[in-house]
Amino acid sequence: MTTATDADEPLIRKTPDVIGGEACIRTSRIAVFMLVEQKQRGSTDRDFLRNYPTLTQRDLDAAWAYYAAHPDEIEEAIRRNNSDDDE
């Protein structure tokens, strides 16, 4: 699945062999669920742009739009990730 293209490169991609097929920013290993979880903990777009120099504001806008369109998917990915941390 791909959404919000920037030229020929989709801003959000799901690739089976990358982070278990989770929605990621472009061809990176930066998962939407990781950004959403950090945002829920208080990170701002400015923080993301400083801490992830390869991200653009368009990437973040696409991530937030993806989350708005697929909240159950992203919340489940956050739950799975946190349950893996507990093991």
PDB file of N, CA and C in Angstrom:
ATOM      1  N   MET A   1       0.839  -1.176   0.000  1.00  0.00           N
ATOM      2  CA  MET A   1       0.000   0.000   0.000  1.00  0.00           C
ATOM      3  C   MET A   1       0.885   1.242   0.000  1.00  0.00           C
ATOM      4  N   THR A   2       0.493   2.234  -0.769  1.00  0.00           N
ATOM      5  CA  THR A   2       1.230   3.488  -0.797  1.00  0.00           C
ATOM      6  C   THR A   2       0.243   4.641  -0.779  1.00  0.00           C
ATOM      7  N   THR A   3       0.669   5.771  -0.219  1.00  0.00           N
ATOM      8  CA  THR A   3      -0.183   6.950  -0.201  1.00  0.00           C
ATOM      9  C   THR A   3       0.659   8.198  -0.409  1.00  0.00           C
ATOM     10  N   ALA A   4       0.015   9.281  -0.783  1.00  0.00           N
ATOM     11  CA  ALA A   4       0.618  10.614  -0.887  1.00  0.00           C
ATOM     12  C   ALA A   4       1.964  10.615  -1.595  1.00  0.00           C
ATOM     13  N   THR A   5       1.933  10.574  -2.891  1.00  0.00           N
ATOM     14  CA  THR A   5       3.183  10.503  -3.624  1.00  0.00           C
ATOM     15  C   THR A   5       3.880  11.846  -3.730  1.00  0.00           C
ATOM     16  N   ASP A   6       5.190  11.803  -3.715  1.00  0.00           N
ATOM     17  CA  ASP A   6       6.054  12.950  -3.931  1.00  0.00           C
ATOM     18  C   ASP A   6       6.866  12.600  -5.166  1.00  0.00           C
ATOM     19  N   ALA A   7       6.485  13.145  -6.315  1.00  0.00           N
ATOM     20  CA  ALA A   7       7.026  12.731  -7.610  1.00  0.00           C
ATOM     21  C   ALA A   7       6.667  11.257  -7.770  1.00  0.00           C
ATOM     22  N   ASP A   8       7.656  10.378  -7.927  1.00  0.00           N
ATOM     23  CA  ASP A   8       7.365   8.957  -8.083  1.00  0.00           C
ATOM     24  C   ASP A   8       7.510   8.176  -6.786  1.00  0.00           C
ATOM     25  N   GLU A   9       7.955   8.836  -5.728  1.00  0.00           N
ATOM     26  CA  GLU A   9       8.203   8.133  -4.472  1.00  0.00           C
ATOM     27  C   GLU A   9       7.047   8.343  -3.499  1.00  0.00           C
ATOM     28  N   PRO A  10       6.370   7.257  -3.098  1.00  0.00           N
ATOM     29  CA  PRO A  10       5.292   7.393  -2.107  1.00  0.00           C
ATOM     30  C   PRO A  10       5.860   7.849  -0.764  1.00  0.00           C
ATOM     31  N   LEU A  11       5.128   8.696  -0.081  1.00  0.00           N
ATOM     32  CA  LEU A  11       5.586   9.175   1.224  1.00  0.00           C
ATOM     33  C   LEU A  11       5.383   8.130   2.316  1.00  0.00           C
ATOM     34  N   ILE A  12       4.346   7.312   2.201  1.00  0.00           N
ATOM     35  CA  ILE A  12       4.103   6.233   3.162  1.00  0.00           C
ATOM     36  C   ILE A  12       4.085   4.925   2.382  1.00  0.00           C
ATOM     37  N   ARG A  13       4.903   3.981   2.839  1.00  0.00           N
ATOM     38  CA  ARG A  13       5.013   2.688   2.156  1.00  0.00           C
ATOM     39  C   ARG A  13       4.904   1.549   3.160  1.00  0.00           C
ATOM     40  N   LYS A  14       4.371   0.441   2.678  1.00  0.00           N
ATOM     41  CA  LYS A  14       4.357  -0.801   3.448  1.00  0.00           C
ATOM     42  C   LYS A  14       5.102  -1.832   2.609  1.00  0.00           C
ATOM     43  N   THR A  15       6.239  -2.277   3.125  1.00  0.00           N
ATOM     44  CA  THR A  15       7.078  -3.245   2.429  1.00  0.00           C
ATOM     45  C   THR A  15       7.204  -4.469   3.326  1.00  0.00           C
ATOM     46  N   PRO A  16       6.827  -5.648   2.840  1.00  0.00           N
ATOM     47  CA  PRO A  16       6.800  -6.840   3.704  1.00  0.00           C
ATOM     48  C   PRO A  16       8.081  -7.105   4.492  1.00  0.00           C
ATOM     49  N   ASP A  17       9.235  -6.872   3.915  1.00  0.00           N
ATOM     50  CA  ASP A  17      10.486  -7.197   4.606  1.00  0.00           C
ATOM     51  C   ASP A  17      11.073  -6.039   5.400  1.00  0.00           C
ATOM     52  N   VAL A  18      10.337  -4.947   5.531  1.00  0.00           N
ATOM     53  CA  VAL A  18      10.833  -3.785   6.272  1.00  0.00           C
ATOM     54  C   VAL A  18       9.937  -3.576   7.490  1.00  0.00           C
ATOM     55  N   ILE A  19      10.508  -3.729   8.663  1.00  0.00           N
ATOM     56  CA  ILE A  19       9.783  -3.577   9.934  1.00  0.00           C
ATOM     57  C   ILE A  19       8.466  -4.351   9.901  1.00  0.00           C
ATOM     58  N   GLY A  20       8.523  -5.568   9.421  1.00  0.00           N
ATOM     59  CA  GLY A  20       7.355  -6.444   9.427  1.00  0.00           C
ATOM     60  C   GLY A  20       6.191  -5.954   8.592  1.00  0.00           C
ATOM     61  N   GLY A  21       6.463  -5.109   7.612  1.00  0.00           N
ATOM     62  CA  GLY A  21       5.393  -4.618   6.754  1.00  0.00           C
ATOM     63  C   GLY A  21       4.631  -3.432   7.323  1.00  0.00           C
ATOM     64  N   GLU A  22       5.130  -2.854   8.413  1.00  0.00           N
ATOM     65  CA  GLU A  22       4.469  -1.680   8.996  1.00  0.00           C
ATOM     66  C   GLU A  22       4.599  -0.483   8.050  1.00  0.00           C
ATOM     67  N   ALA A  23       3.671   0.434   8.142  1.00  0.00           N
ATOM     68  CA  ALA A  23       3.713   1.664   7.345  1.00  0.00           C
ATOM     69  C   ALA A  23       4.923   2.487   7.769  1.00  0.00           C
ATOM     70  N   CYS A  24       5.759   2.830   6.792  1.00  0.00           N
ATOM     71  CA  CYS A  24       6.994   3.585   7.047  1.00  0.00           C
ATOM     72  C   CYS A  24       7.053   4.825   6.158  1.00  0.00           C
ATOM     73  N   ILE A  25       7.907   5.746   6.551  1.00  0.00           N
ATOM     74  CA  ILE A  25       8.156   6.938   5.760  1.00  0.00           C
ATOM     75  C   ILE A  25       9.034   6.567   4.571  1.00  0.00           C
ATOM     76  N   ARG A  26       8.546   6.865   3.380  1.00  0.00           N
ATOM     77  CA  ARG A  26       9.263   6.609   2.117  1.00  0.00           C
ATOM     78  C   ARG A  26       9.955   5.250   2.135  1.00  0.00           C
ATOM     79  N   THR A  27      11.261   5.219   1.848  1.00  0.00           N
ATOM     80  CA  THR A  27      11.994   3.946   1.835  1.00  0.00           C
ATOM     81  C   THR A  27      12.791   3.753   3.118  1.00  0.00           C
ATOM     82  N   SER A  28      12.456   4.503   4.147  1.00  0.00           N
ATOM     83  CA  SER A  28      13.186   4.421   5.414  1.00  0.00           C
ATOM     84  C   SER A  28      12.661   3.278   6.277  1.00  0.00           C
ATOM     85  N   ARG A  29      13.286   3.124   7.416  1.00  0.00           N
ATOM     86  CA  ARG A  29      12.822   2.195   8.438  1.00  0.00           C
ATOM     87  C   ARG A  29      12.185   2.971   9.591  1.00  0.00           C
ATOM     88  N   ILE A  30      11.725   4.170   9.296  1.00  0.00           N
ATOM     89  CA  ILE A  30      11.036   4.999  10.289  1.00  0.00           C
ATOM     90  C   ILE A  30       9.542   4.709  10.156  1.00  0.00           C
ATOM     91  N   ALA A  31       9.018   3.943  11.115  1.00  0.00           N
ATOM     92  CA  ALA A  31       7.620   3.517  11.068  1.00  0.00           C
ATOM     93  C   ALA A  31       6.692   4.622  11.562  1.00  0.00           C
ATOM     94  N   VAL A  32       5.538   4.707  10.921  1.00  0.00           N
ATOM     95  CA  VAL A  32       4.528   5.680  11.334  1.00  0.00           C
ATOM     96  C   VAL A  32       4.157   5.467  12.794  1.00  0.00           C
ATOM     97  N   PHE A  33       4.015   4.211  13.208  1.00  0.00           N
ATOM     98  CA  PHE A  33       3.608   3.963  14.592  1.00  0.00           C
ATOM     99  C   PHE A  33       4.635   4.500  15.587  1.00  0.00           C
ATOM    100  N   MET A  34       5.920   4.448  15.234  1.00  0.00           N
ATOM    101  CA  MET A  34       6.953   4.960  16.146  1.00  0.00           C
ATOM    102  C   MET A  34       6.823   6.484  16.286  1.00  0.00           C
ATOM    103  N   LEU A  35       6.564   7.156  15.176  1.00  0.00           N
ATOM    104  CA  LEU A  35       6.390   8.610  15.235  1.00  0.00           C
ATOM    105  C   LEU A  35       5.142   8.976  16.027  1.00  0.00           C
ATOM    106  N   VAL A  36       4.059   8.261  15.775  1.00  0.00           N
ATOM    107  CA  VAL A  36       2.804   8.543  16.490  1.00  0.00           C
ATOM    108  C   VAL A  36       2.994   8.328  17.991  1.00  0.00           C
ATOM    109  N   GLU A  37       3.646   7.242  18.361  1.00  0.00           N
ATOM    110  CA  GLU A  37       3.855   6.982  19.788  1.00  0.00           C
ATOM    111  C   GLU A  37       4.691   8.092  20.425  1.00  0.00           C
ATOM    112  N   GLN A  38       5.736   8.528  19.742  1.00  0.00           N
ATOM    113  CA  GLN A  38       6.558   9.619  20.282  1.00  0.00           C
ATOM    114  C   GLN A  38       5.749  10.918  20.370  1.00  0.00           C
ATOM    115  N   LYS A  39       4.898  11.150  19.397  1.00  0.00           N
ATOM    116  CA  LYS A  39       4.053  12.348  19.433  1.00  0.00           C
ATOM    117  C   LYS A  39       3.092  12.275  20.621  1.00  0.00           C
ATOM    118  N   GLN A  40       2.536  11.095  20.871  1.00  0.00           N
ATOM    119  CA  GLN A  40       1.631  10.916  22.012  1.00  0.00           C
ATOM    120  C   GLN A  40       2.355  11.165  23.332  1.00  0.00           C
ATOM    121  N   ARG A  41       3.664  10.974  23.339  1.00  0.00           N
ATOM    122  CA  ARG A  41       4.473  11.203  24.547  1.00  0.00           C
ATOM    123  C   ARG A  41       5.000  12.641  24.629  1.00  0.00           C
ATOM    124  N   GLY A  42       4.613  13.480  23.664  1.00  0.00           N
ATOM    125  CA  GLY A  42       4.947  14.894  23.760  1.00  0.00           C
ATOM    126  C   GLY A  42       5.923  15.446  22.739  1.00  0.00           C
ATOM    127  N   SER A  43       6.455  14.623  21.858  1.00  0.00           N
ATOM    128  CA  SER A  43       7.364  15.137  20.830  1.00  0.00           C
ATOM    129  C   SER A  43       6.588  16.021  19.850  1.00  0.00           C
ATOM    130  N   THR A  44       7.256  17.027  19.342  1.00  0.00           N
ATOM    131  CA  THR A  44       6.655  17.943  18.381  1.00  0.00           C
ATOM    132  C   THR A  44       7.263  17.705  16.992  1.00  0.00           C
ATOM    133  N   ASP A  45       6.639  18.281  15.982  1.00  0.00           N
ATOM    134  CA  ASP A  45       7.203  18.171  14.638  1.00  0.00           C
ATOM    135  C   ASP A  45       8.618  18.735  14.611  1.00  0.00           C
ATOM    136  N   ARG A  46       8.836  19.797  15.318  1.00  0.00           N
ATOM    137  CA  ARG A  46      10.180  20.392  15.382  1.00  0.00           C
ATOM    138  C   ARG A  46      11.188  19.386  15.957  1.00  0.00           C
ATOM    139  N   ASP A  47      10.781  18.658  17.005  1.00  0.00           N
ATOM    140  CA  ASP A  47      11.643  17.622  17.586  1.00  0.00           C
ATOM    141  C   ASP A  47      11.978  16.555  16.545  1.00  0.00           C
ATOM    142  N   PHE A  48      10.953  16.092  15.813  1.00  0.00           N
ATOM    143  CA  PHE A  48      11.175  15.056  14.810  1.00  0.00           C
ATOM    144  C   PHE A  48      12.136  15.529  13.734  1.00  0.00           C
ATOM    145  N   LEU A  49      11.941  16.751  13.260  1.00  0.00           N
ATOM    146  CA  LEU A  49      12.796  17.271  12.193  1.00  0.00           C
ATOM    147  C   LEU A  49      14.242  17.439  12.660  1.00  0.00           C
ATOM    148  N   ARG A  50      14.414  17.738  13.930  1.00  0.00           N
ATOM    149  CA  ARG A  50      15.767  17.854  14.485  1.00  0.00           C
ATOM    150  C   ARG A  50      16.388  16.474  14.717  1.00  0.00           C
ATOM    151  N   ASN A  51      15.614  15.536  15.231  1.00  0.00           N
ATOM    152  CA  ASN A  51      16.135  14.219  15.598  1.00  0.00           C
ATOM    153  C   ASN A  51      16.217  13.234  14.432  1.00  0.00           C
ATOM    154  N   TYR A  52      15.463  13.479  13.391  1.00  0.00           N
ATOM    155  CA  TYR A  52      15.471  12.625  12.195  1.00  0.00           C
ATOM    156  C   TYR A  52      15.752  13.528  10.993  1.00  0.00           C
ATOM    157  N   PRO A  53      17.003  13.842  10.745  1.00  0.00           N
ATOM    158  CA  PRO A  53      17.342  14.828   9.704  1.00  0.00           C
ATOM    159  C   PRO A  53      16.910  14.447   8.291  1.00  0.00           C
ATOM    160  N   THR A  54      16.593  13.180   8.055  1.00  0.00           N
ATOM    161  CA  THR A  54      16.133  12.798   6.723  1.00  0.00           C
ATOM    162  C   THR A  54      14.649  13.067   6.511  1.00  0.00           C
ATOM    163  N   LEU A  55      13.922  13.351   7.596  1.00  0.00           N
ATOM    164  CA  LEU A  55      12.490  13.632   7.476  1.00  0.00           C
ATOM    165  C   LEU A  55      12.242  15.067   7.043  1.00  0.00           C
ATOM    166  N   THR A  56      11.131  15.241   6.336  1.00  0.00           N
ATOM    167  CA  THR A  56      10.672  16.576   5.954  1.00  0.00           C
ATOM    168  C   THR A  56       9.305  16.810   6.597  1.00  0.00           C
ATOM    169  N   GLN A  57       8.857  18.047   6.558  1.00  0.00           N
ATOM    170  CA  GLN A  57       7.527  18.336   7.089  1.00  0.00           C
ATOM    171  C   GLN A  57       6.464  17.583   6.291  1.00  0.00           C
ATOM    172  N   ARG A  58       6.671  17.429   4.996  1.00  0.00           N
ATOM    173  CA  ARG A  58       5.716  16.654   4.173  1.00  0.00           C
ATOM    174  C   ARG A  58       5.645  15.210   4.647  1.00  0.00           C
ATOM    175  N   ASP A  59       6.782  14.627   5.034  1.00  0.00           N
ATOM    176  CA  ASP A  59       6.787  13.262   5.572  1.00  0.00           C
ATOM    177  C   ASP A  59       5.927  13.187   6.826  1.00  0.00           C
ATOM    178  N   LEU A  60       6.132  14.149   7.716  1.00  0.00           N
ATOM    179  CA  LEU A  60       5.368  14.149   8.965  1.00  0.00           C
ATOM    180  C   LEU A  60       3.883  14.364   8.693  1.00  0.00           C
ATOM    181  N   ASP A  61       3.561  15.280   7.806  1.00  0.00           N
ATOM    182  CA  ASP A  61       2.156  15.517   7.455  1.00  0.00           C
ATOM    183  C   ASP A  61       1.527  14.231   6.905  1.00  0.00           C
ATOM    184  N   ALA A  62       2.282  13.508   6.073  1.00  0.00           N
ATOM    185  CA  ALA A  62       1.783  12.242   5.529  1.00  0.00           C
ATOM    186  C   ALA A  62       1.595  11.210   6.636  1.00  0.00           C
ATOM    187  N   ALA A  63       2.515  11.173   7.596  1.00  0.00           N
ATOM    188  CA  ALA A  63       2.395  10.231   8.721  1.00  0.00           C
ATOM    189  C   ALA A  63       1.152  10.534   9.544  1.00  0.00           C
ATOM    190  N   TRP A  64       0.917  11.806   9.852  1.00  0.00           N
ATOM    191  CA  TRP A  64      -0.259  12.166  10.663  1.00  0.00           C
ATOM    192  C   TRP A  64      -1.543  11.886   9.878  1.00  0.00           C
ATOM    193  N   ALA A  65      -1.529  12.128   8.568  1.00  0.00           N
ATOM    194  CA  ALA A  65      -2.708  11.830   7.742  1.00  0.00           C
ATOM    195  C   ALA A  65      -2.957  10.319   7.691  1.00  0.00           C
ATOM    196  N   TYR A  66      -1.879   9.546   7.587  1.00  0.00           N
ATOM    197  CA  TYR A  66      -2.014   8.093   7.566  1.00  0.00           C
ATOM    198  C   TYR A  66      -2.620   7.618   8.883  1.00  0.00           C
ATOM    199  N   TYR A  67      -2.124   8.149   9.981  1.00  0.00           N
ATOM    200  CA  TYR A  67      -2.668   7.772  11.291  1.00  0.00           C
ATOM    201  C   TYR A  67      -4.147   8.141  11.391  1.00  0.00           C
ATOM    202  N   ALA A  68      -4.505   9.326  10.915  1.00  0.00           N
ATOM    203  CA  ALA A  68      -5.908   9.756  10.967  1.00  0.00           C
ATOM    204  C   ALA A  68      -6.803   8.814  10.155  1.00  0.00           C
ATOM    205  N   ALA A  69      -6.280   8.298   9.051  1.00  0.00           N
ATOM    206  CA  ALA A  69      -7.051   7.400   8.194  1.00  0.00           C
ATOM    207  C   ALA A  69      -7.039   5.951   8.677  1.00  0.00           C
ATOM    208  N   HIS A  70      -6.026   5.580   9.476  1.00  0.00           N
ATOM    209  CA  HIS A  70      -5.849   4.182   9.906  1.00  0.00           C
ATOM    210  C   HIS A  70      -5.505   4.093  11.398  1.00  0.00           C
ATOM    211  N   PRO A  71      -6.302   4.714  12.271  1.00  0.00           N
ATOM    212  CA  PRO A  71      -5.929   4.742  13.695  1.00  0.00           C
ATOM    213  C   PRO A  71      -5.857   3.358  14.337  1.00  0.00           C
ATOM    214  N   ASP A  72      -6.755   2.460  13.972  1.00  0.00           N
ATOM    215  CA  ASP A  72      -6.739   1.126  14.592  1.00  0.00           C
ATOM    216  C   ASP A  72      -5.460   0.374  14.236  1.00  0.00           C
ATOM    217  N   GLU A  73      -5.041   0.469  12.983  1.00  0.00           N
ATOM    218  CA  GLU A  73      -3.812  -0.198  12.543  1.00  0.00           C
ATOM    219  C   GLU A  73      -2.599   0.318  13.310  1.00  0.00           C
ATOM    220  N   ILE A  74      -2.507   1.630  13.443  1.00  0.00           N
ATOM    221  CA  ILE A  74      -1.340   2.229  14.100  1.00  0.00           C
ATOM    222  C   ILE A  74      -1.367   1.950  15.600  1.00  0.00           C
ATOM    223  N   GLU A  75      -2.520   2.068  16.228  1.00  0.00           N
ATOM    224  CA  GLU A  75      -2.623   1.778  17.669  1.00  0.00           C
ATOM    225  C   GLU A  75      -2.279   0.319  17.953  1.00  0.00           C
ATOM    226  N   GLU A  76      -2.695  -0.590  17.081  1.00  0.00           N
ATOM    227  CA  GLU A  76      -2.355  -2.010  17.259  1.00  0.00           C
ATOM    228  C   GLU A  76      -0.851  -2.221  17.119  1.00  0.00           C
ATOM    229  N   ALA A  77      -0.228  -1.537  16.170  1.00  0.00           N
ATOM    230  CA  ALA A  77       1.233  -1.654  16.004  1.00  0.00           C
ATOM    231  C   ALA A  77       1.952  -1.140  17.247  1.00  0.00           C
ATOM    232  N   ILE A  78       1.445  -0.068  17.839  1.00  0.00           N
ATOM    233  CA  ILE A  78       2.038   0.465  19.073  1.00  0.00           C
ATOM    234  C   ILE A  78       1.895  -0.569  20.189  1.00  0.00           C
ATOM    235  N   ARG A  79       0.710  -1.161  20.316  1.00  0.00           N
ATOM    236  CA  ARG A  79       0.489  -2.185  21.358  1.00  0.00           C
ATOM    237  C   ARG A  79       1.421  -3.379  21.158  1.00  0.00           C
ATOM    238  N   ARG A  80       1.537  -3.845  19.903  1.00  0.00           N
ATOM    239  CA  ARG A  80       2.422  -4.995  19.629  1.00  0.00           C
ATOM    240  C   ARG A  80       3.868  -4.652  19.975  1.00  0.00           C
ATOM    241  N   ASN A  81       4.302  -3.481  19.589  1.00  0.00           N
ATOM    242  CA  ASN A  81       5.674  -3.065  19.865  1.00  0.00           C
ATOM    243  C   ASN A  81       5.943  -2.993  21.364  1.00  0.00           C
ATOM    244  N   ASN A  82       4.995  -2.458  22.109  1.00  0.00           N
ATOM    245  CA  ASN A  82       5.167  -2.354  23.560  1.00  0.00           C
ATOM    246  C   ASN A  82       5.080  -3.706  24.244  1.00  0.00           C
ATOM    247  N   SER A  83       4.283  -4.617  23.721  1.00  0.00           N
ATOM    248  CA  SER A  83       4.223  -5.943  24.338  1.00  0.00           C
ATOM    249  C   SER A  83       5.512  -6.711  24.064  1.00  0.00           C
ATOM    250  N   ASP A  84       6.158  -6.444  22.904  1.00  0.00           N
ATOM    251  CA  ASP A  84       7.460  -7.055  22.624  1.00  0.00           C
ATOM    252  C   ASP A  84       8.499  -6.559  23.618  1.00  0.00           C
ATOM    253  N   ASP A  85       8.408  -5.294  24.029  1.00  0.00           N
ATOM    254  CA  ASP A  85       9.352  -4.723  24.996  1.00  0.00           C
ATOM    255  C   ASP A  85       9.210  -5.357  26.365  1.00  0.00           C
ATOM    256  N   ASP A  86       7.996  -5.836  26.690  1.00  0.00           N
ATOM    257  CA  ASP A  86       7.736  -6.407  28.012  1.00  0.00           C
ATOM    258  C   ASP A  86       8.272  -7.826  28.141  1.00  0.00           C
ATOM    259  N   GLU A  87       8.557  -8.470  27.030  1.00  0.00           N
ATOM    260  CA  GLU A  87       8.977  -9.879  27.090  1.00  0.00           C
ATOM    261  C   GLU A  87      10.423 -10.028  27.489  1.00  0.00           C
TER     262      GLU A  87
END
